[in-house]
């Protein structure tokens, strides 16, 4: 089995554990986000990043978990690149914000979730949804987890009607 497909299977299992079977199916995967829409999401997230005077990396993956767009601010630490991609892939894989994983581990003592390949239990990853279908996800990294989450959520909101 290919590593990415294996990771998505493990993250789908995490979604089942976290949300239960009904929650995991609330949004189905849709067609992959287009580059044009990915840039729109990144622009909204980047505007929030600049409003807050942050230096972040913003990553967008499609519904298959493949990187489609990446933007790193000039002074964003190099380590934020992998973290932003990881947050986006995890949010796409669990069909929920990475904050959900973080809350389950910290608040509900579900340390077993740390063992799932591809899990990224830090706020800053958010699914991108169009017409109740997940078309990808955004990840932001470089500030506090809460600030990363605010920036990622602003990007995701740009797809709302």
C-alpha atoms as a PDB file:
ATOM      1  CA  UNK A   1       0.000   0.000   0.000  1.00  0.00           C
ATOM      2  CA  UNK A   2       1.324   3.470  -0.844  1.00  0.00           C
ATOM      3  CA  UNK A   3       2.400   5.592   2.153  1.00  0.00           C
ATOM      4  CA  UNK A   4      -0.100   8.429   1.460  1.00  0.00           C
ATOM      5  CA  UNK A   5      -3.008   6.021   1.045  1.00  0.00           C
ATOM      6  CA  UNK A   6      -1.936   4.205   4.223  1.00  0.00           C
ATOM      7  CA  UNK A   7      -1.820   7.525   6.100  1.00  0.00           C
ATOM      8  CA  UNK A   8      -5.309   8.464   4.895  1.00  0.00           C
ATOM      9  CA  UNK A   9      -6.652   5.109   6.077  1.00  0.00           C
ATOM     10  CA  UNK A  10      -5.143   5.679   9.523  1.00  0.00           C
ATOM     11  CA  UNK A  11      -6.507   9.232   9.656  1.00  0.00           C
ATOM     12  CA  UNK A  12      -9.958   7.977   8.611  1.00  0.00           C
ATOM     13  CA  UNK A  13      -9.759   5.570  11.529  1.00  0.00           C
ATOM     14  CA  UNK A  14      -8.903   8.545  13.755  1.00  0.00           C
ATOM     15  CA  UNK A  15     -11.982  10.363  12.453  1.00  0.00           C
ATOM     16  CA  UNK A  16     -14.115   7.357  13.326  1.00  0.00           C
ATOM     17  CA  UNK A  17     -12.625   7.236  16.836  1.00  0.00           C
ATOM     18  CA  UNK A  18     -13.034  10.980  17.390  1.00  0.00           C
ATOM     19  CA  UNK A  19     -16.389  11.680  15.776  1.00  0.00           C
ATOM     20  CA  UNK A  20     -18.087   8.311  15.643  1.00  0.00           C
ATOM     21  CA  UNK A  21     -19.367   6.853  12.392  1.00  0.00           C
ATOM     22  CA  UNK A  22     -22.054   9.516  11.852  1.00  0.00           C
ATOM     23  CA  UNK A  23     -19.683  12.432  12.428  1.00  0.00           C
ATOM     24  CA  UNK A  24     -17.030  11.040  10.125  1.00  0.00           C
ATOM     25  CA  UNK A  25     -19.530  10.868   7.247  1.00  0.00           C
ATOM     26  CA  UNK A  26     -21.028  14.331   7.779  1.00  0.00           C
ATOM     27  CA  UNK A  27     -18.939  15.645   4.882  1.00  0.00           C
ATOM     28  CA  UNK A  28     -17.906  13.446   1.984  1.00  0.00           C
ATOM     29  CA  UNK A  29     -14.842  14.046  -0.125  1.00  0.00           C
ATOM     30  CA  UNK A  30     -15.544  16.019  -3.246  1.00  0.00           C
ATOM     31  CA  UNK A  31     -13.482  16.830  -6.282  1.00  0.00           C
ATOM     32  CA  UNK A  32     -10.051  18.270  -5.503  1.00  0.00           C
ATOM     33  CA  UNK A  33      -9.854  22.019  -4.970  1.00  0.00           C
ATOM     34  CA  UNK A  34      -8.661  23.927  -8.026  1.00  0.00           C
ATOM     35  CA  UNK A  35      -5.479  25.963  -7.974  1.00  0.00           C
ATOM     36  CA  UNK A  36      -7.573  29.099  -8.478  1.00  0.00           C
ATOM     37  CA  UNK A  37      -9.662  28.413  -5.365  1.00  0.00           C
ATOM     38  CA  UNK A  38      -6.589  27.350  -3.391  1.00  0.00           C
ATOM     39  CA  UNK A  39      -5.034  30.741  -4.153  1.00  0.00           C
ATOM     40  CA  UNK A  40      -8.255  32.467  -3.027  1.00  0.00           C
ATOM     41  CA  UNK A  41      -8.111  30.582   0.291  1.00  0.00           C
ATOM     42  CA  UNK A  42      -4.412  31.400   0.714  1.00  0.00           C
ATOM     43  CA  UNK A  43      -5.050  35.082  -0.047  1.00  0.00           C
ATOM     44  CA  UNK A  44      -7.693  35.300   2.691  1.00  0.00           C
ATOM     45  CA  UNK A  45      -5.437  33.488   5.168  1.00  0.00           C
ATOM     46  CA  UNK A  46      -2.473  35.647   4.194  1.00  0.00           C
ATOM     47  CA  UNK A  47      -4.512  38.832   4.708  1.00  0.00           C
ATOM     48  CA  UNK A  48      -5.335  37.696   8.259  1.00  0.00           C
ATOM     49  CA  UNK A  49      -1.681  36.792   8.822  1.00  0.00           C
ATOM     50  CA  UNK A  50      -0.612  40.302   7.784  1.00  0.00           C
ATOM     51  CA  UNK A  51      -3.375  41.946   9.866  1.00  0.00           C
ATOM     52  CA  UNK A  52      -1.960  40.162  12.901  1.00  0.00           C
ATOM     53  CA  UNK A  53       1.637  40.923  11.892  1.00  0.00           C
ATOM     54  CA  UNK A  54       2.566  37.243  11.838  1.00  0.00           C
ATOM     55  CA  UNK A  55       5.133  35.335   9.783  1.00  0.00           C
ATOM     56  CA  UNK A  56       3.566  31.987   8.877  1.00  0.00           C
ATOM     57  CA  UNK A  57       3.623  29.232   6.336  1.00  0.00           C
ATOM     58  CA  UNK A  58       0.274  28.459   4.730  1.00  0.00           C
ATOM     59  CA  UNK A  59      -0.260  25.129   2.966  1.00  0.00           C
ATOM     60  CA  UNK A  60      -3.251  23.892   1.010  1.00  0.00           C
ATOM     61  CA  UNK A  61      -3.830  20.267   0.092  1.00  0.00           C
ATOM     62  CA  UNK A  62      -6.488  18.842  -2.194  1.00  0.00           C
ATOM     63  CA  UNK A  63      -9.094  16.251  -1.206  1.00  0.00           C
ATOM     64  CA  UNK A  64      -6.523  13.505  -1.802  1.00  0.00           C
ATOM     65  CA  UNK A  65      -4.077  15.095   0.651  1.00  0.00           C
ATOM     66  CA  UNK A  66      -1.705  16.276  -2.089  1.00  0.00           C
ATOM     67  CA  UNK A  67       0.011  19.635  -1.687  1.00  0.00           C
ATOM     68  CA  UNK A  68      -1.446  22.090  -4.186  1.00  0.00           C
ATOM     69  CA  UNK A  69      -0.273  25.465  -2.845  1.00  0.00           C
ATOM     70  CA  UNK A  70       2.315  26.684  -0.345  1.00  0.00           C
ATOM     71  CA  UNK A  71       3.190  30.179   0.818  1.00  0.00           C
ATOM     72  CA  UNK A  72       5.915  30.954   3.365  1.00  0.00           C
ATOM     73  CA  UNK A  73       6.348  34.464   4.749  1.00  0.00           C
ATOM     74  CA  UNK A  74       9.891  35.803   4.478  1.00  0.00           C
ATOM     75  CA  UNK A  75      10.704  35.317   8.159  1.00  0.00           C
ATOM     76  CA  UNK A  76       8.625  32.208   8.851  1.00  0.00           C
ATOM     77  CA  UNK A  77      10.903  29.530  10.317  1.00  0.00           C
ATOM     78  CA  UNK A  78      11.828  26.770   7.875  1.00  0.00           C
ATOM     79  CA  UNK A  79      10.330  24.145  10.180  1.00  0.00           C
ATOM     80  CA  UNK A  80       6.892  25.659   9.649  1.00  0.00           C
ATOM     81  CA  UNK A  81       6.741  24.298   6.094  1.00  0.00           C
ATOM     82  CA  UNK A  82       6.411  20.650   7.133  1.00  0.00           C
ATOM     83  CA  UNK A  83       4.161  21.598  10.041  1.00  0.00           C
ATOM     84  CA  UNK A  84       1.715  23.529   7.829  1.00  0.00           C
ATOM     85  CA  UNK A  85       1.576  20.662   5.332  1.00  0.00           C
ATOM     86  CA  UNK A  86       1.103  18.154   8.175  1.00  0.00           C
ATOM     87  CA  UNK A  87      -1.755  20.146   9.669  1.00  0.00           C
ATOM     88  CA  UNK A  88      -3.495  20.441   6.298  1.00  0.00           C
ATOM     89  CA  UNK A  89      -3.123  16.721   5.545  1.00  0.00           C
ATOM     90  CA  UNK A  90      -4.352  15.749   9.010  1.00  0.00           C
ATOM     91  CA  UNK A  91      -7.434  18.020   8.777  1.00  0.00           C
ATOM     92  CA  UNK A  92      -8.233  16.550   5.376  1.00  0.00           C
ATOM     93  CA  UNK A  93      -7.726  13.015   6.671  1.00  0.00           C
ATOM     94  CA  UNK A  94      -9.938  13.317   9.750  1.00  0.00           C
ATOM     95  CA  UNK A  95     -12.526  15.557   8.048  1.00  0.00           C
ATOM     96  CA  UNK A  96     -12.232  17.984  10.941  1.00  0.00           C
ATOM     97  CA  UNK A  97      -9.995  20.723  12.290  1.00  0.00           C
ATOM     98  CA  UNK A  98      -6.783  19.535  13.919  1.00  0.00           C
ATOM     99  CA  UNK A  99      -8.021  21.328  17.041  1.00  0.00           C
ATOM    100  CA  UNK A 100     -10.416  18.369  17.424  1.00  0.00           C
ATOM    101  CA  UNK A 101      -7.474  15.967  17.698  1.00  0.00           C
ATOM    102  CA  UNK A 102      -5.732  18.304  20.141  1.00  0.00           C
ATOM    103  CA  UNK A 103      -8.846  18.548  22.314  1.00  0.00           C
ATOM    104  CA  UNK A 104      -9.378  14.777  22.306  1.00  0.00           C
ATOM    105  CA  UNK A 105      -5.817  14.130  23.416  1.00  0.00           C
ATOM    106  CA  UNK A 106      -5.569  16.908  25.995  1.00  0.00           C
ATOM    107  CA  UNK A 107      -9.151  17.016  27.260  1.00  0.00           C
ATOM    108  CA  UNK A 108     -10.185  13.393  26.996  1.00  0.00           C
ATOM    109  CA  UNK A 109      -6.821  11.749  27.618  1.00  0.00           C
ATOM    110  CA  UNK A 110      -6.935   9.813  24.332  1.00  0.00           C
ATOM    111  CA  UNK A 111      -3.183   9.446  24.026  1.00  0.00           C
ATOM    112  CA  UNK A 112      -3.681   6.501  21.672  1.00  0.00           C
ATOM    113  CA  UNK A 113      -4.462   9.024  18.910  1.00  0.00           C
ATOM    114  CA  UNK A 114      -0.798  10.072  18.958  1.00  0.00           C
ATOM    115  CA  UNK A 115       0.069   6.677  17.502  1.00  0.00           C
ATOM    116  CA  UNK A 116      -1.918   7.196  14.300  1.00  0.00           C
ATOM    117  CA  UNK A 117       0.416   7.949  11.387  1.00  0.00           C
ATOM    118  CA  UNK A 118      -0.246  11.388   9.991  1.00  0.00           C
ATOM    119  CA  UNK A 119      -2.048  12.661  13.088  1.00  0.00           C
ATOM    120  CA  UNK A 120      -1.140  16.279  13.827  1.00  0.00           C
ATOM    121  CA  UNK A 121      -2.849  17.207  17.087  1.00  0.00           C
ATOM    122  CA  UNK A 122      -2.086  20.938  17.019  1.00  0.00           C
ATOM    123  CA  UNK A 123      -4.533  23.686  16.089  1.00  0.00           C
ATOM    124  CA  UNK A 124      -4.003  25.207  12.662  1.00  0.00           C
ATOM    125  CA  UNK A 125      -5.420  22.667  10.200  1.00  0.00           C
ATOM    126  CA  UNK A 126      -8.950  23.151   8.818  1.00  0.00           C
ATOM    127  CA  UNK A 127     -10.900  21.268   6.130  1.00  0.00           C
ATOM    128  CA  UNK A 128     -12.031  23.218   3.068  1.00  0.00           C
ATOM    129  CA  UNK A 129     -15.684  22.552   2.320  1.00  0.00           C
ATOM    130  CA  UNK A 130     -17.799  23.414  -0.709  1.00  0.00           C
ATOM    131  CA  UNK A 131     -21.414  22.183  -0.955  1.00  0.00           C
ATOM    132  CA  UNK A 132     -20.919  19.897   2.062  1.00  0.00           C
ATOM    133  CA  UNK A 133     -17.978  18.193   0.355  1.00  0.00           C
ATOM    134  CA  UNK A 134     -14.379  18.305   1.510  1.00  0.00           C
ATOM    135  CA  UNK A 135     -12.295  19.601  -1.389  1.00  0.00           C
ATOM    136  CA  UNK A 136      -9.061  19.870   0.596  1.00  0.00           C
ATOM    137  CA  UNK A 137      -7.679  21.518   3.706  1.00  0.00           C
ATOM    138  CA  UNK A 138      -5.534  24.424   4.825  1.00  0.00           C
ATOM    139  CA  UNK A 139      -2.733  24.344   7.367  1.00  0.00           C
ATOM    140  CA  UNK A 140      -1.027  27.333   8.984  1.00  0.00           C
ATOM    141  CA  UNK A 141       2.082  27.253  11.151  1.00  0.00           C
ATOM    142  CA  UNK A 142       4.538  29.698  12.679  1.00  0.00           C
ATOM    143  CA  UNK A 143       2.748  31.432  15.533  1.00  0.00           C
ATOM    144  CA  UNK A 144       0.860  30.087  18.547  1.00  0.00           C
ATOM    145  CA  UNK A 145      -1.541  27.246  17.787  1.00  0.00           C
ATOM    146  CA  UNK A 146      -4.499  29.563  18.450  1.00  0.00           C
ATOM    147  CA  UNK A 147      -3.173  32.187  16.010  1.00  0.00           C
ATOM    148  CA  UNK A 148      -2.427  29.483  13.436  1.00  0.00           C
ATOM    149  CA  UNK A 149      -6.028  28.321  13.823  1.00  0.00           C
ATOM    150  CA  UNK A 150      -7.451  31.812  13.370  1.00  0.00           C
ATOM    151  CA  UNK A 151      -5.468  32.294  10.153  1.00  0.00           C
ATOM    152  CA  UNK A 152      -6.455  28.871   8.772  1.00  0.00           C
ATOM    153  CA  UNK A 153     -10.109  29.460   9.640  1.00  0.00           C
ATOM    154  CA  UNK A 154     -10.088  32.798   7.829  1.00  0.00           C
ATOM    155  CA  UNK A 155      -8.834  31.020   4.743  1.00  0.00           C
ATOM    156  CA  UNK A 156     -11.517  28.356   5.023  1.00  0.00           C
ATOM    157  CA  UNK A 157     -14.245  30.984   5.484  1.00  0.00           C
ATOM    158  CA  UNK A 158     -13.389  32.445   2.075  1.00  0.00           C
ATOM    159  CA  UNK A 159     -15.176  29.467   0.486  1.00  0.00           C
ATOM    160  CA  UNK A 160     -18.456  30.114   2.292  1.00  0.00           C
ATOM    161  CA  UNK A 161     -21.305  31.330   0.069  1.00  0.00           C
END
